[in-house]
Protein backbone atom coordinates (compact mmCIF):
# COMPACT_ATOMS: atom_id res chain seq x y z
CA UNK A 1 -120.38 -13.80 102.99
CA UNK A 2 -118.25 -12.85 100.07
CA UNK A 3 -114.78 -14.65 100.01
CA UNK A 4 -111.85 -12.15 99.73
CA UNK A 5 -108.25 -12.89 99.44
CA UNK A 6 -105.08 -10.59 99.80
CA UNK A 7 -101.97 -11.21 97.36
CA UNK A 8 -98.88 -10.14 99.14
CA UNK A 9 -99.89 -9.27 102.65
CA UNK A 10 -96.50 -8.54 103.91
CA UNK A 11 -96.22 -4.92 102.84
CA UNK A 12 -97.76 -1.77 104.34
CA UNK A 13 -100.74 -1.87 101.71
CA UNK A 14 -101.26 -5.47 102.39
CA UNK A 15 -101.33 -5.17 106.11
CA UNK A 16 -103.78 -2.29 105.74
CA UNK A 17 -106.03 -4.55 103.60
CA UNK A 18 -106.05 -7.10 106.18
CA UNK A 19 -107.01 -4.65 109.06
CA UNK A 20 -109.91 -3.25 106.97
CA UNK A 21 -111.22 -6.65 105.61
CA UNK A 22 -111.15 -8.34 108.98
CA UNK A 23 -113.71 -5.70 110.11
CA UNK A 24 -115.74 -5.69 107.00
CA UNK A 25 -119.24 -6.92 107.67
CA UNK A 26 -120.14 -8.51 104.13
CA UNK A 27 -116.61 -9.81 103.37
CA UNK A 28 -114.87 -12.94 104.78
CA UNK A 29 -111.05 -12.73 104.48
CA UNK A 30 -110.08 -16.23 103.85
CA UNK A 31 -106.72 -16.21 102.02
CA UNK A 32 -103.60 -14.23 102.46
CA UNK A 33 -100.38 -14.62 100.72
CA UNK A 34 -96.65 -13.86 100.89
CA UNK A 35 -94.23 -16.12 99.54
CA UNK A 36 -91.21 -15.11 101.59
CA UNK A 37 -93.30 -15.82 104.66
CA UNK A 38 -95.34 -18.60 103.70
CA UNK A 39 -96.26 -21.04 106.46
CA UNK A 40 -96.01 -18.48 109.15
CA UNK A 41 -99.05 -17.37 111.17
CA UNK A 42 -100.00 -13.85 110.19
CA UNK A 43 -100.41 -12.71 113.93
CA UNK A 44 -96.79 -13.71 114.53
CA UNK A 45 -95.43 -11.76 111.74
CA UNK A 46 -97.71 -8.74 112.49
CA UNK A 47 -98.56 -8.88 116.28
CA UNK A 48 -101.18 -6.11 115.91
CA UNK A 49 -103.33 -8.60 113.82
CA UNK A 50 -103.60 -11.06 116.48
CA UNK A 51 -107.18 -11.32 116.13
CA UNK A 52 -106.75 -12.67 112.50
CA UNK A 53 -106.05 -16.47 112.92
CA UNK A 54 -104.64 -16.96 109.61
CA UNK A 55 -101.61 -18.78 108.00
CA UNK A 56 -99.65 -17.00 105.30
CA UNK A 57 -99.91 -19.06 101.95
CA UNK A 58 -97.67 -19.17 98.92
CA UNK A 59 -100.70 -19.02 96.50
CA UNK A 60 -104.35 -17.37 96.67
CA UNK A 61 -107.04 -19.55 97.75
CA UNK A 62 -110.57 -20.02 96.25
CA UNK A 63 -112.05 -16.48 96.31
CA UNK A 64 -114.77 -14.28 94.89
CA UNK A 65 -112.43 -11.19 94.84
CA UNK A 66 -108.65 -10.72 94.91
CA UNK A 67 -106.89 -7.58 96.12
CA UNK A 68 -103.23 -7.67 95.03
CA UNK A 69 -100.48 -5.53 96.84
CA UNK A 70 -97.70 -6.94 94.73
CA UNK A 71 -95.18 -4.43 93.43
CA UNK A 72 -95.60 -3.14 89.71
CA UNK A 73 -94.20 -5.42 87.13
CA UNK A 74 -95.10 -8.55 89.25
CA UNK A 75 -98.76 -7.93 90.07
CA UNK A 76 -100.39 -8.20 86.55
CA UNK A 77 -98.43 -11.56 85.83
CA UNK A 78 -99.66 -12.97 89.24
CA UNK A 79 -103.38 -11.80 88.60
CA UNK A 80 -103.69 -13.25 85.07
CA UNK A 81 -104.76 -16.58 86.32
CA UNK A 82 -107.37 -15.16 88.49
CA UNK A 83 -108.58 -12.70 85.93
CA UNK A 84 -109.04 -15.80 83.41
CA UNK A 85 -111.18 -17.55 85.92
CA UNK A 86 -113.43 -14.56 86.24
CA UNK A 87 -112.37 -13.71 89.85
CA UNK A 88 -113.14 -10.09 90.41
CA UNK A 89 -109.55 -8.18 91.06
CA UNK A 90 -108.53 -5.01 92.84
CA UNK A 91 -104.79 -4.20 91.73
CA UNK A 92 -102.98 -1.87 93.93
CA UNK A 93 -100.03 -1.74 91.80
CA UNK A 94 -99.50 0.59 88.74
CA UNK A 95 -99.85 -2.32 86.27
CA UNK A 96 -103.22 -1.49 84.98
CA UNK A 97 -103.41 2.14 85.49
CA UNK A 98 -102.08 3.53 82.35
CA UNK A 99 -103.85 2.93 79.02
CA UNK A 100 -100.85 3.15 76.73
CA UNK A 101 -98.52 0.24 77.12
CA UNK A 102 -95.75 2.11 75.65
CA UNK A 103 -96.06 4.81 78.36
CA UNK A 104 -96.25 2.03 80.96
CA UNK A 105 -92.99 0.32 79.75
CA UNK A 106 -91.15 3.67 79.69
CA UNK A 107 -92.11 4.83 83.13
CA UNK A 108 -92.01 1.45 84.95
CA UNK A 109 -89.09 0.10 83.11
CA UNK A 110 -90.56 -3.53 82.50
CA UNK A 111 -92.50 -5.22 79.64
CA UNK A 112 -96.20 -5.60 80.46
CA UNK A 113 -97.29 -9.25 80.55
CA UNK A 114 -100.74 -8.45 79.42
CA UNK A 115 -101.27 -5.34 77.42
CA UNK A 116 -104.74 -6.46 75.96
CA UNK A 117 -106.27 -6.02 79.39
CA UNK A 118 -105.21 -2.49 79.68
CA UNK A 119 -108.27 -1.53 77.75
CA UNK A 120 -110.62 -3.54 80.16
CA UNK A 121 -109.19 -2.34 83.34
CA UNK A 122 -111.17 0.81 84.82
CA UNK A 123 -109.12 3.47 86.82
CA UNK A 124 -110.32 3.02 90.32
CA UNK A 125 -110.88 6.63 91.47
CA UNK A 126 -114.61 6.44 92.48
CA UNK A 127 -115.12 10.28 92.59
CA UNK A 128 -114.64 10.18 88.90
CA UNK A 129 -115.31 6.58 87.53
CA UNK A 130 -117.99 5.33 90.11
CA UNK A 131 -120.40 3.87 87.40
CA UNK A 132 -117.62 2.32 85.33
CA UNK A 133 -116.17 0.62 88.54
CA UNK A 134 -119.35 -0.96 89.47
CA UNK A 135 -119.55 -2.71 86.05
CA UNK A 136 -115.76 -3.81 85.99
CA UNK A 137 -114.01 -7.01 86.99
CA UNK A 138 -110.50 -5.32 86.88
CA UNK A 139 -109.99 -2.25 88.72
CA UNK A 140 -106.58 -0.46 88.72
CA UNK A 141 -106.23 1.15 92.19
CA UNK A 142 -104.77 4.74 91.83
CA UNK A 143 -101.30 5.62 93.24
CA UNK A 144 -101.22 7.68 96.46
CA UNK A 145 -99.71 10.90 95.01
CA UNK A 146 -102.20 10.78 92.13
CA UNK A 147 -105.24 10.44 94.39
CA UNK A 148 -104.31 13.51 96.20
CA UNK A 149 -103.55 15.64 93.24
CA UNK A 150 -106.33 14.37 90.75
CA UNK A 151 -108.97 14.97 93.57
CA UNK A 152 -107.45 18.47 94.10
CA UNK A 153 -107.75 19.49 90.30
CA UNK A 154 -110.45 17.45 88.82
CA UNK A 155 -113.28 19.89 89.43
CA UNK A 156 -111.13 22.66 87.83
CA UNK A 157 -110.12 20.79 84.89
CA UNK A 158 -113.40 19.19 84.23
CA UNK A 159 -115.15 22.66 84.16
CA UNK A 160 -112.32 24.03 82.03
CA UNK A 161 -111.36 26.68 84.67
CA UNK A 162 -107.44 26.42 84.46
CA UNK A 163 -104.98 26.32 81.59
CA UNK A 164 -103.41 22.98 80.83
CA UNK A 165 -100.13 23.66 82.60
CA UNK A 166 -100.34 22.38 86.10
CA UNK A 167 -97.79 22.41 89.01
CA UNK A 168 -98.41 19.59 91.87
CA UNK A 169 -95.85 20.03 94.94
CA UNK A 170 -96.47 16.84 97.23
CA UNK A 171 -95.06 15.92 100.60
CA UNK A 172 -95.42 12.33 101.80
CA UNK A 173 -94.66 10.25 104.96
CA UNK A 174 -92.10 7.48 104.73
CA UNK A 175 -94.51 4.64 104.60
CA UNK A 176 -95.16 5.60 100.90
CA UNK A 177 -91.72 4.20 100.14
CA UNK A 178 -92.95 0.59 101.50
CA UNK A 179 -91.06 -1.65 103.97
CA UNK A 180 -87.85 -2.25 101.93
CA UNK A 181 -84.83 -0.99 103.73
CA UNK A 182 -82.58 1.70 102.06
CA UNK A 183 -80.04 4.09 103.37
CA UNK A 184 -82.08 7.11 102.45
CA UNK A 185 -84.92 5.93 104.69
CA UNK A 186 -82.65 5.35 107.66
CA UNK A 187 -84.04 7.24 110.76
CA UNK A 188 -80.71 9.50 111.11
CA UNK A 189 -80.92 10.27 107.36
CA UNK A 190 -84.43 11.33 107.19
CA UNK A 191 -85.23 12.69 110.63
CA UNK A 192 -85.34 16.59 110.89
CA UNK A 193 -85.02 16.77 107.15
CA UNK A 194 -87.09 17.33 104.01
CA UNK A 195 -85.87 16.29 100.61
CA UNK A 196 -87.25 16.44 97.09
CA UNK A 197 -86.68 13.47 94.80
CA UNK A 198 -87.58 12.50 91.19
CA UNK A 199 -87.04 15.82 89.74
CA UNK A 200 -86.46 14.23 86.35
CA UNK A 201 -89.99 12.64 86.52
CA UNK A 202 -91.83 10.43 88.70
CA UNK A 203 -93.83 7.33 87.55
CA UNK A 204 -96.97 8.79 88.98
CA UNK A 205 -96.82 11.77 86.76
CA UNK A 206 -98.36 10.18 83.44
CA UNK A 207 -101.13 8.82 85.51
CA UNK A 208 -101.99 12.22 86.87
CA UNK A 209 -101.83 13.52 83.22
CA UNK A 210 -103.97 10.78 82.00
CA UNK A 211 -106.78 11.28 84.60
CA UNK A 212 -106.63 15.04 84.05
CA UNK A 213 -107.01 15.12 80.37
CA UNK A 214 -109.47 17.31 78.66
CA UNK A 215 -110.76 16.96 75.21
CA UNK A 216 -108.46 14.15 74.38
CA UNK A 217 -105.39 16.41 75.28
CA UNK A 218 -103.21 15.71 78.38
CA UNK A 219 -102.13 18.62 80.46
CA UNK A 220 -98.37 19.59 81.01
CA UNK A 221 -97.77 18.35 84.59
CA UNK A 222 -94.92 19.38 86.67
CA UNK A 223 -94.89 17.03 89.63
CA UNK A 224 -92.36 17.25 92.41
CA UNK A 225 -92.66 14.74 95.38
CA UNK A 226 -90.83 15.32 98.79
CA UNK A 227 -90.08 13.18 101.76
CA UNK A 228 -90.85 14.34 105.21
CA UNK A 229 -90.06 12.72 108.40
CA UNK A 230 -93.61 11.36 109.45
CA UNK A 231 -94.95 7.93 109.25
CA UNK A 232 -98.01 8.56 106.83
CA UNK A 233 -99.94 11.19 104.99
CA UNK A 234 -99.66 13.03 101.94
CA UNK A 235 -100.19 16.93 101.47
CA UNK A 236 -100.24 18.15 97.93
CA UNK A 237 -100.27 21.87 96.79
CA UNK A 238 -101.56 22.16 93.32
CA UNK A 239 -101.47 25.32 91.11
CA UNK A 240 -103.10 26.20 87.80
CA UNK A 241 -103.57 29.50 85.86
CA UNK A 242 -107.31 30.39 85.60
CA UNK A 243 -108.61 30.61 82.16
CA UNK A 244 -111.70 32.45 83.41
CA UNK A 245 -112.48 35.19 85.86
CA UNK A 246 -113.86 33.42 88.92
CA UNK A 247 -113.92 34.27 92.66
CA UNK A 248 -112.93 32.03 95.39
CA UNK A 249 -116.70 31.90 96.49
CA UNK A 250 -117.47 30.46 93.12
CA UNK A 251 -114.53 28.11 93.13
CA UNK A 252 -115.58 26.61 96.61
CA UNK A 253 -119.36 26.13 95.36
CA UNK A 254 -118.06 24.39 92.29
CA UNK A 255 -115.94 22.03 94.33
CA UNK A 256 -118.68 21.35 96.96
CA UNK A 257 -121.08 20.64 94.06
CA UNK A 258 -118.47 18.39 92.09
CA UNK A 259 -118.06 16.18 95.38
CA UNK A 260 -121.56 16.29 96.83
CA UNK A 261 -122.09 12.60 96.24
CA UNK A 262 -118.62 11.74 97.19
CA UNK A 263 -118.72 10.19 100.65
CA UNK A 264 -114.97 10.49 101.41
CA UNK A 265 -113.96 13.61 99.51
CA UNK A 266 -114.67 16.68 101.65
CA UNK A 267 -114.20 20.36 100.86
CA UNK A 268 -113.22 22.12 104.03
CA UNK A 269 -113.14 25.78 105.00
CA UNK A 270 -109.66 25.91 106.30
CA UNK A 271 -106.41 24.50 104.81
CA UNK A 272 -106.38 20.88 105.99
CA UNK A 273 -103.28 19.08 107.72
CA UNK A 274 -102.33 15.40 107.28
CA UNK A 275 -103.05 14.65 110.75
CA UNK A 276 -106.72 15.26 110.10
CA UNK A 277 -106.73 12.29 107.82
CA UNK A 278 -104.57 9.76 109.69
CA UNK A 279 -106.16 6.39 109.53
CA UNK A 280 -109.32 7.43 107.65
CA UNK A 281 -110.54 7.16 104.15
CA UNK A 282 -111.11 10.75 103.69
CA UNK A 283 -109.50 13.23 101.24
CA UNK A 284 -109.71 16.79 102.54
CA UNK A 285 -109.62 19.59 99.93
CA UNK A 286 -109.22 23.32 100.30
CA UNK A 287 -109.50 25.41 97.04
CA UNK A 288 -108.67 29.18 96.95
CA UNK A 289 -107.86 31.75 94.39
CA UNK A 290 -104.61 33.99 94.28
CA UNK A 291 -106.16 37.03 92.71
CA UNK A 292 -102.81 38.63 92.51
CA UNK A 293 -101.49 36.07 90.15
CA UNK A 294 -104.93 34.90 88.87
CA UNK A 295 -104.02 31.31 90.02
CA UNK A 296 -105.88 28.68 91.37
CA UNK A 297 -104.32 26.96 94.45
CA UNK A 298 -105.79 23.75 96.00
CA UNK A 299 -104.59 21.92 99.00
CA UNK A 300 -105.23 18.33 99.63
CA UNK A 301 -104.65 15.87 102.41
CA UNK A 302 -105.10 12.04 102.39
CA UNK A 303 -103.57 8.99 104.53
CA UNK A 304 -101.46 7.38 101.80
CA UNK A 305 -101.93 4.03 103.24
CA UNK A 306 -105.85 4.23 103.48
CA UNK A 307 -107.40 6.58 100.67
CA UNK A 308 -104.00 6.26 98.89
CA UNK A 309 -103.98 2.51 99.18
CA UNK A 310 -105.81 -0.03 101.14
CA UNK A 311 -109.02 2.12 101.97
CA UNK A 312 -109.55 3.03 98.39
CA UNK A 313 -109.20 -0.55 97.23
CA UNK A 314 -111.89 -1.65 99.72
CA UNK A 315 -113.95 1.26 98.44
CA UNK A 316 -113.40 -0.04 94.98
CA UNK A 317 -114.15 -3.63 96.00
CA UNK A 318 -117.53 -2.51 97.60
CA UNK A 319 -118.51 -0.77 94.39
CA UNK A 320 -117.35 -3.92 92.16
CA UNK A 321 -119.37 -6.34 94.61
CA UNK A 322 -122.57 -4.10 94.78
CA UNK A 323 -122.36 -3.48 98.53
CA UNK A 324 -122.71 0.16 99.82
CA UNK A 325 -119.55 2.15 99.12
CA UNK A 326 -118.79 3.20 102.56
CA UNK A 327 -118.99 -0.26 104.10
CA UNK A 328 -116.03 -1.02 106.44
CA UNK A 329 -114.63 2.47 105.95
CA UNK A 330 -116.30 4.67 108.37
CA UNK A 331 -113.47 5.01 110.88
CA UNK A 332 -112.68 8.65 111.92
CA UNK A 333 -109.24 10.00 111.93
CA UNK A 334 -106.90 9.30 114.70
CA UNK A 335 -106.02 12.34 116.80
CA UNK A 336 -103.57 13.49 117.89
C-alpha cells in the first residue's frame, strides 16, 4: 500500500481528502495534520469520520505522497521540506498554480517562498495536462472556479473557435469560502439572497487566463463570482464571441471528441444542474450557440469540494502514482 498524508485535515478540502483516501484501495492514509487540533482524535473533531481511527498530528509522518490543504501563502513553505526529500506532493492551494511569481505576489498579496519551483510544478487539470502530471512530483491542484471555467472553454480555445475576449459568470455554494467564520457568511445574511463579489478582480482570474492562453497570448477574461445559498456546487456560464461559422451540432461534436478520454468530464444533452454533481468528481458541460449574437455559450457544473478540490487532488495523486486515474473516485452523485 502507498502511504499518504494530509496536511491540514481540518478544513473542508482536508475533510474531503480524508473521506476519499480512507476508501482508496491502493493507498493507506497514515498521517493527518492540523496544528490547532493536534493531539485530538479525528473522529472526535469530525464524527462522520468515525471509521478513521487516527490522531491529528502537528507535523506530517513518513509518507510516499502528501496532499496539502493549507491556505495559500502557507502551503508552499510547509511543503518545501517534503519536496526536498523527494516526496510526491499535491498542493490544493494556489501557491504553485501561476508560473509568473510577480503575478502570484500581485494577486495573493504574499511573497512566494520558493519561486524557483514554479517552473517544476505541473498545473493539475488532467483533462489538459494528463501526461505531464504522470511525470511530476509537484502538482498544483486547480482552483474550484477555474476548474469549472477552463473545462467549459478549453475545447473552443484550443480549436481557435472564439475570440480572446471571454466572460465567465459563476455561482458557488458557501463551502467554497471555507470554514472560517465571517459576517457575510452567517445564515441570516446569505439565506434567500444572491450576491456578487470581487468585481475588481478575483485571484482565480489569472489562473483562468494562464490556462486558456493560445499562441503565447492570454485572453482578456471578465470573471464575476457569486455566492448562492447552498452548501456546495459551482455553476459557470461562459461566453465567447465565435471567430468561425459553426453550428451547435459541430460544437457539441467537437466537445465530445475533446473529452472522449476524460472519465470525469461529460458533455451532456441538456443544461446541467449543480445537484447532478453533488458528491461526485464529475464535471458536466453543456455547449450551445446563440446564432442571433454569434456567441458560444457553455454551462458547466461541478461539486466545488470534489472535482473542485479533494476529488481532483486524488485524481492527480492517482496519475502521479501510476494507478488507474479513476481509482477511489467512482461514486455517483447524491440525489436529491
